Amino acid sequence: MPAQGDMLATAARNQELFRQVIEEGFSQGNLDVLDDIISPQIQEHQPGMGAGPEGVKQAITFLRSVFPDFTLTIEDITTDGDKVWARLRARGTHRGPQMGLPPTGRHMEIDVFDVCRFKDGRMVEHWGVPDRFTQMEQLGLLPRPGTARE
């Protein structure tokens, strides 16, 4: 059984790896940082995310094409065993097409909840829950009650 100090060091390392993915990968668009952190065999549980580091890179590239000023800010973060749990804030201005809809130029700011499991210094599993409903509402892409979309 690992010593308490080893478990704390591993938890701190996992949080740092998660921070790199969020701050350097998503917020700065540095895709190279993902190669050493995301396992090629990552189990992805968030709809719309592809497999392995390339899937994460594709998601970041897409997000940054729709929201060129896209940022994710870690608001809360904690660990439990081999998992990192985080509440994040996503922000960006809608400048590119999304889901077949034209850019609105509107700003969005939503909550995102992530859980990532790490093994041997690599992210091996991910669950992500962005508040897409609020995002669509803020961008004006939801029909108002009592109106029909044409």
N, C-alpha and C. Protein backbone atom coordinates (compact mmCIF):
# COMPACT_ATOMS: atom_id res chain seq x y z
N MET A 1 0.85 -1.18 0.00
CA MET A 1 0.00 0.00 0.00
C MET A 1 0.90 1.24 0.00
N PRO A 2 0.60 2.22 -0.88
CA PRO A 2 1.42 3.43 -0.95
C PRO A 2 1.37 4.22 0.36
N ALA A 3 2.46 4.87 0.70
CA ALA A 3 2.52 5.72 1.88
C ALA A 3 1.69 6.98 1.65
N GLN A 4 1.23 7.57 2.76
CA GLN A 4 0.41 8.79 2.68
C GLN A 4 1.11 9.89 1.88
N GLY A 5 2.41 10.06 2.11
CA GLY A 5 3.17 11.08 1.39
C GLY A 5 3.21 10.82 -0.10
N ASP A 6 3.32 9.55 -0.49
CA ASP A 6 3.31 9.20 -1.92
C ASP A 6 1.96 9.50 -2.55
N MET A 7 0.90 9.21 -1.81
CA MET A 7 -0.45 9.46 -2.33
C MET A 7 -0.69 10.97 -2.51
N LEU A 8 -0.21 11.77 -1.54
CA LEU A 8 -0.37 13.23 -1.66
C LEU A 8 0.44 13.78 -2.82
N ALA A 9 1.65 13.26 -3.01
CA ALA A 9 2.49 13.71 -4.13
C ALA A 9 1.85 13.34 -5.46
N THR A 10 1.28 12.15 -5.55
CA THR A 10 0.61 11.72 -6.78
C THR A 10 -0.62 12.59 -7.05
N ALA A 11 -1.39 12.89 -6.01
CA ALA A 11 -2.58 13.75 -6.17
C ALA A 11 -2.17 15.13 -6.67
N ALA A 12 -1.11 15.69 -6.08
CA ALA A 12 -0.63 17.02 -6.51
C ALA A 12 -0.14 16.97 -7.95
N ARG A 13 0.55 15.91 -8.33
CA ARG A 13 1.04 15.76 -9.70
C ARG A 13 -0.14 15.66 -10.68
N ASN A 14 -1.16 14.89 -10.31
CA ASN A 14 -2.33 14.74 -11.18
C ASN A 14 -3.05 16.07 -11.37
N GLN A 15 -3.15 16.86 -10.29
CA GLN A 15 -3.77 18.19 -10.41
C GLN A 15 -2.95 19.08 -11.35
N GLU A 16 -1.63 19.01 -11.23
CA GLU A 16 -0.77 19.82 -12.10
C GLU A 16 -0.93 19.41 -13.56
N LEU A 17 -1.02 18.12 -13.83
CA LEU A 17 -1.23 17.65 -15.21
C LEU A 17 -2.57 18.14 -15.74
N PHE A 18 -3.60 18.07 -14.90
CA PHE A 18 -4.92 18.56 -15.30
C PHE A 18 -4.84 20.05 -15.62
N ARG A 19 -4.17 20.82 -14.76
CA ARG A 19 -4.01 22.26 -14.99
C ARG A 19 -3.32 22.53 -16.33
N GLN A 20 -2.32 21.75 -16.66
CA GLN A 20 -1.63 21.93 -17.95
C GLN A 20 -2.59 21.73 -19.11
N VAL A 21 -3.41 20.68 -19.04
CA VAL A 21 -4.37 20.42 -20.11
C VAL A 21 -5.32 21.60 -20.25
N ILE A 22 -5.82 22.10 -19.14
CA ILE A 22 -6.80 23.20 -19.17
C ILE A 22 -6.15 24.51 -19.58
N GLU A 23 -5.11 24.91 -18.86
CA GLU A 23 -4.52 26.23 -19.06
C GLU A 23 -3.70 26.33 -20.34
N GLU A 24 -2.86 25.34 -20.61
CA GLU A 24 -2.03 25.41 -21.81
C GLU A 24 -2.75 24.86 -23.03
N GLY A 25 -3.45 23.73 -22.87
CA GLY A 25 -4.13 23.12 -24.01
C GLY A 25 -5.37 23.90 -24.44
N PHE A 26 -6.36 23.98 -23.56
CA PHE A 26 -7.63 24.60 -23.93
C PHE A 26 -7.53 26.13 -24.00
N SER A 27 -6.98 26.76 -22.97
CA SER A 27 -7.00 28.22 -22.91
C SER A 27 -5.97 28.89 -23.82
N GLN A 28 -4.81 28.25 -24.02
CA GLN A 28 -3.78 28.86 -24.86
C GLN A 28 -3.68 28.21 -26.24
N GLY A 29 -4.33 27.07 -26.44
CA GLY A 29 -4.28 26.40 -27.74
C GLY A 29 -2.97 25.67 -28.00
N ASN A 30 -2.19 25.39 -26.97
CA ASN A 30 -0.93 24.65 -27.12
C ASN A 30 -1.25 23.15 -27.16
N LEU A 31 -1.40 22.61 -28.35
CA LEU A 31 -1.78 21.21 -28.50
C LEU A 31 -0.65 20.25 -28.16
N ASP A 32 0.59 20.68 -28.28
CA ASP A 32 1.73 19.80 -28.02
C ASP A 32 1.77 19.32 -26.58
N VAL A 33 1.24 20.11 -25.65
CA VAL A 33 1.28 19.74 -24.24
C VAL A 33 0.50 18.45 -23.97
N LEU A 34 -0.45 18.12 -24.84
CA LEU A 34 -1.32 16.98 -24.61
C LEU A 34 -0.63 15.64 -24.86
N ASP A 35 0.38 15.61 -25.71
CA ASP A 35 1.00 14.35 -26.10
C ASP A 35 1.56 13.55 -24.94
N ASP A 36 2.12 14.22 -23.95
CA ASP A 36 2.71 13.52 -22.81
C ASP A 36 1.74 13.32 -21.66
N ILE A 37 0.54 13.91 -21.74
CA ILE A 37 -0.42 13.83 -20.63
C ILE A 37 -1.58 12.91 -20.94
N ILE A 38 -2.13 13.00 -22.15
CA ILE A 38 -3.31 12.20 -22.52
C ILE A 38 -2.85 10.83 -23.02
N SER A 39 -3.35 9.79 -22.39
CA SER A 39 -3.01 8.43 -22.82
C SER A 39 -3.62 8.14 -24.18
N PRO A 40 -2.88 7.45 -25.05
CA PRO A 40 -3.46 7.06 -26.35
C PRO A 40 -4.71 6.17 -26.18
N GLN A 41 -4.82 5.51 -25.05
CA GLN A 41 -5.95 4.62 -24.79
C GLN A 41 -6.99 5.26 -23.86
N ILE A 42 -7.01 6.59 -23.77
CA ILE A 42 -7.96 7.24 -22.87
C ILE A 42 -9.39 6.79 -23.15
N GLN A 43 -10.14 6.55 -22.09
CA GLN A 43 -11.57 6.26 -22.21
C GLN A 43 -12.29 7.60 -22.08
N GLU A 44 -12.94 8.01 -23.14
CA GLU A 44 -13.62 9.31 -23.19
C GLU A 44 -15.11 9.09 -23.01
N HIS A 45 -15.69 9.77 -22.03
CA HIS A 45 -17.12 9.63 -21.74
C HIS A 45 -17.93 10.88 -22.09
N GLN A 46 -17.28 11.92 -22.62
CA GLN A 46 -17.99 13.14 -22.99
C GLN A 46 -18.40 13.04 -24.45
N PRO A 47 -19.70 13.15 -24.73
CA PRO A 47 -20.15 13.10 -26.12
C PRO A 47 -19.46 14.17 -26.97
N GLY A 48 -19.07 13.78 -28.17
CA GLY A 48 -18.45 14.71 -29.10
C GLY A 48 -16.93 14.75 -29.02
N MET A 49 -16.36 14.05 -28.07
CA MET A 49 -14.90 14.02 -27.95
C MET A 49 -14.39 12.75 -28.64
N GLY A 50 -13.33 12.91 -29.43
CA GLY A 50 -12.73 11.78 -30.12
C GLY A 50 -11.77 11.03 -29.21
N ALA A 51 -11.15 9.99 -29.75
CA ALA A 51 -10.27 9.11 -28.99
C ALA A 51 -8.85 9.66 -28.89
N GLY A 52 -8.22 9.39 -27.77
CA GLY A 52 -6.81 9.68 -27.58
C GLY A 52 -6.46 11.15 -27.62
N PRO A 53 -5.16 11.45 -27.60
CA PRO A 53 -4.73 12.84 -27.66
C PRO A 53 -5.25 13.57 -28.90
N GLU A 54 -5.36 12.87 -30.02
CA GLU A 54 -5.85 13.51 -31.25
C GLU A 54 -7.30 13.96 -31.10
N GLY A 55 -8.11 13.18 -30.39
CA GLY A 55 -9.50 13.58 -30.15
C GLY A 55 -9.60 14.84 -29.32
N VAL A 56 -8.74 14.95 -28.30
CA VAL A 56 -8.73 16.16 -27.47
C VAL A 56 -8.23 17.34 -28.30
N LYS A 57 -7.21 17.11 -29.11
CA LYS A 57 -6.70 18.19 -29.98
C LYS A 57 -7.78 18.67 -30.95
N GLN A 58 -8.54 17.74 -31.52
CA GLN A 58 -9.61 18.12 -32.44
C GLN A 58 -10.68 18.94 -31.72
N ALA A 59 -11.00 18.56 -30.48
CA ALA A 59 -12.00 19.30 -29.71
C ALA A 59 -11.51 20.72 -29.44
N ILE A 60 -10.24 20.87 -29.06
CA ILE A 60 -9.68 22.19 -28.79
C ILE A 60 -9.65 23.02 -30.07
N THR A 61 -9.23 22.43 -31.16
CA THR A 61 -9.18 23.14 -32.44
C THR A 61 -10.57 23.62 -32.84
N PHE A 62 -11.57 22.75 -32.67
CA PHE A 62 -12.94 23.13 -33.00
C PHE A 62 -13.42 24.27 -32.09
N LEU A 63 -13.24 24.11 -30.77
CA LEU A 63 -13.68 25.15 -29.84
C LEU A 63 -13.05 26.50 -30.16
N ARG A 64 -11.76 26.48 -30.49
CA ARG A 64 -11.06 27.72 -30.76
C ARG A 64 -11.42 28.29 -32.13
N SER A 65 -11.99 27.47 -33.04
CA SER A 65 -12.48 28.00 -34.31
C SER A 65 -13.85 28.67 -34.13
N VAL A 66 -14.63 28.16 -33.19
CA VAL A 66 -15.95 28.73 -32.91
C VAL A 66 -15.81 29.93 -31.97
N PHE A 67 -14.92 29.81 -30.98
CA PHE A 67 -14.68 30.84 -29.98
C PHE A 67 -13.17 31.14 -29.96
N PRO A 68 -12.67 32.01 -30.84
CA PRO A 68 -11.23 32.25 -30.93
C PRO A 68 -10.60 32.74 -29.62
N ASP A 69 -11.39 33.38 -28.77
CA ASP A 69 -10.89 33.87 -27.48
C ASP A 69 -11.23 32.92 -26.34
N PHE A 70 -11.48 31.66 -26.65
CA PHE A 70 -11.92 30.66 -25.68
C PHE A 70 -10.93 30.50 -24.53
N THR A 71 -11.46 30.50 -23.31
CA THR A 71 -10.66 30.20 -22.13
C THR A 71 -11.46 29.31 -21.18
N LEU A 72 -10.72 28.51 -20.45
CA LEU A 72 -11.27 27.73 -19.35
C LEU A 72 -10.51 28.16 -18.10
N THR A 73 -11.24 28.46 -17.04
CA THR A 73 -10.63 28.84 -15.77
C THR A 73 -11.05 27.82 -14.72
N ILE A 74 -10.08 27.30 -14.00
CA ILE A 74 -10.38 26.35 -12.93
C ILE A 74 -10.88 27.16 -11.73
N GLU A 75 -12.11 26.92 -11.33
CA GLU A 75 -12.71 27.61 -10.19
C GLU A 75 -12.52 26.81 -8.91
N ASP A 76 -12.68 25.50 -8.99
CA ASP A 76 -12.50 24.59 -7.86
C ASP A 76 -11.86 23.32 -8.38
N ILE A 77 -10.97 22.73 -7.57
CA ILE A 77 -10.31 21.49 -7.97
C ILE A 77 -10.00 20.68 -6.71
N THR A 78 -10.17 19.39 -6.81
CA THR A 78 -9.84 18.50 -5.70
C THR A 78 -9.50 17.13 -6.27
N THR A 79 -8.93 16.31 -5.45
CA THR A 79 -8.60 14.95 -5.87
C THR A 79 -9.24 13.95 -4.92
N ASP A 80 -9.47 12.77 -5.45
CA ASP A 80 -9.95 11.64 -4.66
C ASP A 80 -9.31 10.40 -5.26
N GLY A 81 -8.32 9.88 -4.59
CA GLY A 81 -7.59 8.73 -5.13
C GLY A 81 -6.91 9.11 -6.43
N ASP A 82 -7.21 8.39 -7.49
CA ASP A 82 -6.57 8.64 -8.78
C ASP A 82 -7.37 9.60 -9.67
N LYS A 83 -8.41 10.23 -9.10
CA LYS A 83 -9.27 11.14 -9.88
C LYS A 83 -9.08 12.59 -9.47
N VAL A 84 -9.14 13.46 -10.49
CA VAL A 84 -9.17 14.90 -10.29
C VAL A 84 -10.59 15.36 -10.65
N TRP A 85 -11.19 16.11 -9.75
CA TRP A 85 -12.53 16.67 -9.94
C TRP A 85 -12.40 18.17 -10.04
N ALA A 86 -13.07 18.79 -11.01
CA ALA A 86 -12.93 20.23 -11.17
C ALA A 86 -14.23 20.87 -11.66
N ARG A 87 -14.45 22.09 -11.15
CA ARG A 87 -15.50 22.97 -11.66
C ARG A 87 -14.77 24.09 -12.38
N LEU A 88 -15.12 24.27 -13.65
CA LEU A 88 -14.44 25.25 -14.49
C LEU A 88 -15.43 26.27 -15.02
N ARG A 89 -14.89 27.36 -15.51
CA ARG A 89 -15.70 28.40 -16.16
C ARG A 89 -15.17 28.56 -17.58
N ALA A 90 -16.03 28.31 -18.56
CA ALA A 90 -15.69 28.48 -19.97
C ALA A 90 -16.22 29.82 -20.44
N ARG A 91 -15.37 30.54 -21.20
CA ARG A 91 -15.76 31.85 -21.72
C ARG A 91 -15.31 31.96 -23.17
N GLY A 92 -16.08 32.69 -23.95
CA GLY A 92 -15.68 32.94 -25.32
C GLY A 92 -16.73 33.71 -26.08
N THR A 93 -16.30 34.25 -27.23
CA THR A 93 -17.19 35.01 -28.11
C THR A 93 -17.43 34.17 -29.35
N HIS A 94 -18.69 34.01 -29.69
CA HIS A 94 -19.12 33.14 -30.79
C HIS A 94 -18.79 33.79 -32.13
N ARG A 95 -17.67 33.37 -32.74
CA ARG A 95 -17.20 33.95 -34.00
C ARG A 95 -17.21 32.96 -35.17
N GLY A 96 -17.52 31.69 -34.91
CA GLY A 96 -17.52 30.69 -35.98
C GLY A 96 -18.80 29.86 -35.94
N PRO A 97 -19.13 29.17 -37.05
CA PRO A 97 -20.36 28.38 -37.08
C PRO A 97 -20.30 27.22 -36.07
N GLN A 98 -21.47 26.90 -35.54
CA GLN A 98 -21.59 25.82 -34.56
C GLN A 98 -22.91 25.11 -34.77
N MET A 99 -22.86 23.80 -34.88
CA MET A 99 -24.06 22.97 -35.07
C MET A 99 -24.90 23.47 -36.24
N GLY A 100 -24.24 23.91 -37.30
CA GLY A 100 -24.94 24.37 -38.48
C GLY A 100 -25.53 25.76 -38.35
N LEU A 101 -25.23 26.45 -37.26
CA LEU A 101 -25.77 27.78 -37.03
C LEU A 101 -24.67 28.83 -37.20
N PRO A 102 -25.01 29.97 -37.77
CA PRO A 102 -23.98 31.01 -38.01
C PRO A 102 -23.51 31.65 -36.71
N PRO A 103 -22.33 32.28 -36.73
CA PRO A 103 -21.84 32.98 -35.53
C PRO A 103 -22.77 34.13 -35.16
N THR A 104 -22.90 34.34 -33.86
CA THR A 104 -23.78 35.40 -33.37
C THR A 104 -22.99 36.62 -32.88
N GLY A 105 -21.70 36.47 -32.62
CA GLY A 105 -20.91 37.55 -32.05
C GLY A 105 -21.16 37.75 -30.56
N ARG A 106 -22.00 36.92 -29.99
CA ARG A 106 -22.31 37.04 -28.56
C ARG A 106 -21.28 36.31 -27.70
N HIS A 107 -21.17 36.78 -26.47
CA HIS A 107 -20.27 36.19 -25.48
C HIS A 107 -21.01 35.12 -24.69
N MET A 108 -20.31 34.04 -24.37
CA MET A 108 -20.90 33.03 -23.49
C MET A 108 -19.96 32.80 -22.32
N GLU A 109 -20.57 32.43 -21.21
CA GLU A 109 -19.84 32.10 -19.99
C GLU A 109 -20.63 31.02 -19.28
N ILE A 110 -20.07 29.80 -19.24
CA ILE A 110 -20.80 28.65 -18.69
C ILE A 110 -19.94 27.86 -17.71
N ASP A 111 -20.60 27.03 -16.93
CA ASP A 111 -19.93 26.09 -16.04
C ASP A 111 -19.63 24.80 -16.78
N VAL A 112 -18.51 24.21 -16.42
CA VAL A 112 -18.12 22.90 -16.93
C VAL A 112 -17.64 22.09 -15.73
N PHE A 113 -18.07 20.84 -15.66
CA PHE A 113 -17.60 19.94 -14.61
C PHE A 113 -16.83 18.81 -15.26
N ASP A 114 -15.63 18.56 -14.76
CA ASP A 114 -14.76 17.52 -15.30
C ASP A 114 -14.31 16.59 -14.20
N VAL A 115 -14.22 15.31 -14.54
CA VAL A 115 -13.59 14.30 -13.70
C VAL A 115 -12.62 13.56 -14.59
N CYS A 116 -11.38 13.46 -14.15
CA CYS A 116 -10.34 12.77 -14.92
C CYS A 116 -9.65 11.76 -14.03
N ARG A 117 -9.43 10.57 -14.57
CA ARG A 117 -8.68 9.54 -13.84
C ARG A 117 -7.29 9.47 -14.45
N PHE A 118 -6.30 9.40 -13.58
CA PHE A 118 -4.90 9.34 -13.99
C PHE A 118 -4.28 8.02 -13.56
N LYS A 119 -3.35 7.56 -14.37
CA LYS A 119 -2.58 6.36 -14.03
C LYS A 119 -1.17 6.56 -14.58
N ASP A 120 -0.19 6.39 -13.71
CA ASP A 120 1.22 6.51 -14.11
C ASP A 120 1.52 7.83 -14.83
N GLY A 121 0.93 8.92 -14.34
CA GLY A 121 1.21 10.23 -14.91
C GLY A 121 0.53 10.54 -16.22
N ARG A 122 -0.49 9.77 -16.58
CA ARG A 122 -1.24 10.00 -17.82
C ARG A 122 -2.73 10.03 -17.52
N MET A 123 -3.47 10.88 -18.24
CA MET A 123 -4.92 10.90 -18.13
C MET A 123 -5.46 9.71 -18.91
N VAL A 124 -6.14 8.80 -18.21
CA VAL A 124 -6.61 7.57 -18.84
C VAL A 124 -8.13 7.50 -18.96
N GLU A 125 -8.84 8.44 -18.32
CA GLU A 125 -10.30 8.44 -18.41
C GLU A 125 -10.80 9.85 -18.14
N HIS A 126 -11.87 10.25 -18.85
CA HIS A 126 -12.41 11.61 -18.73
C HIS A 126 -13.93 11.61 -18.86
N TRP A 127 -14.56 12.35 -17.95
CA TRP A 127 -15.99 12.65 -18.02
C TRP A 127 -16.10 14.16 -18.01
N GLY A 128 -16.82 14.76 -18.94
CA GLY A 128 -16.99 16.21 -18.98
C GLY A 128 -18.44 16.57 -19.16
N VAL A 129 -18.89 17.59 -18.42
CA VAL A 129 -20.28 18.02 -18.51
C VAL A 129 -20.32 19.55 -18.64
N PRO A 130 -20.28 20.05 -19.89
CA PRO A 130 -20.45 21.49 -20.09
C PRO A 130 -21.94 21.84 -20.09
N ASP A 131 -22.28 23.02 -19.60
CA ASP A 131 -23.67 23.47 -19.57
C ASP A 131 -24.05 24.01 -20.95
N ARG A 132 -24.30 23.11 -21.86
CA ARG A 132 -24.58 23.50 -23.25
C ARG A 132 -25.91 24.23 -23.40
N PHE A 133 -26.87 23.92 -22.55
CA PHE A 133 -28.15 24.60 -22.63
C PHE A 133 -27.97 26.09 -22.37
N THR A 134 -27.25 26.43 -21.30
CA THR A 134 -27.00 27.83 -20.99
C THR A 134 -26.19 28.48 -22.10
N GLN A 135 -25.23 27.74 -22.64
CA GLN A 135 -24.43 28.27 -23.75
C GLN A 135 -25.33 28.66 -24.92
N MET A 136 -26.20 27.77 -25.34
CA MET A 136 -27.08 28.04 -26.47
C MET A 136 -28.03 29.20 -26.16
N GLU A 137 -28.49 29.26 -24.91
CA GLU A 137 -29.37 30.36 -24.51
C GLU A 137 -28.62 31.70 -24.59
N GLN A 138 -27.40 31.75 -24.07
CA GLN A 138 -26.62 32.99 -24.08
C GLN A 138 -26.29 33.44 -25.51
N LEU A 139 -26.13 32.50 -26.40
CA LEU A 139 -25.79 32.83 -27.78
C LEU A 139 -27.04 33.16 -28.61
N GLY A 140 -28.21 33.05 -27.99
CA GLY A 140 -29.45 33.36 -28.70
C GLY A 140 -29.83 32.31 -29.72
N LEU A 141 -29.38 31.08 -29.49
CA LEU A 141 -29.63 30.00 -30.45
C LEU A 141 -30.78 29.09 -30.05
N LEU A 142 -31.49 29.45 -28.98
CA LEU A 142 -32.68 28.69 -28.58
C LEU A 142 -33.91 29.51 -28.92
N PRO A 143 -34.95 28.86 -29.41
CA PRO A 143 -36.17 29.63 -29.68
C PRO A 143 -36.79 30.12 -28.37
N ARG A 144 -37.36 31.29 -28.40
CA ARG A 144 -38.07 31.84 -27.25
C ARG A 144 -39.37 31.07 -27.08
N PRO A 145 -39.85 30.92 -25.86
CA PRO A 145 -41.13 30.25 -25.65
C PRO A 145 -42.23 30.92 -26.48
N GLY A 146 -43.02 30.11 -27.14
CA GLY A 146 -44.13 30.63 -27.93
C GLY A 146 -43.73 31.08 -29.33
N THR A 147 -42.45 30.87 -29.71
CA THR A 147 -42.04 31.22 -31.06
C THR A 147 -41.50 29.98 -31.75
N ALA A 148 -41.62 29.97 -33.03
CA ALA A 148 -41.11 28.83 -33.81
C ALA A 148 -39.86 29.27 -34.55
N ARG A 149 -38.91 28.37 -34.65
CA ARG A 149 -37.70 28.62 -35.45
C ARG A 149 -38.02 28.32 -36.90
N GLU A 150 -37.57 29.17 -37.77
CA GLU A 150 -37.82 28.95 -39.19
C GLU A 150 -36.62 28.33 -39.83
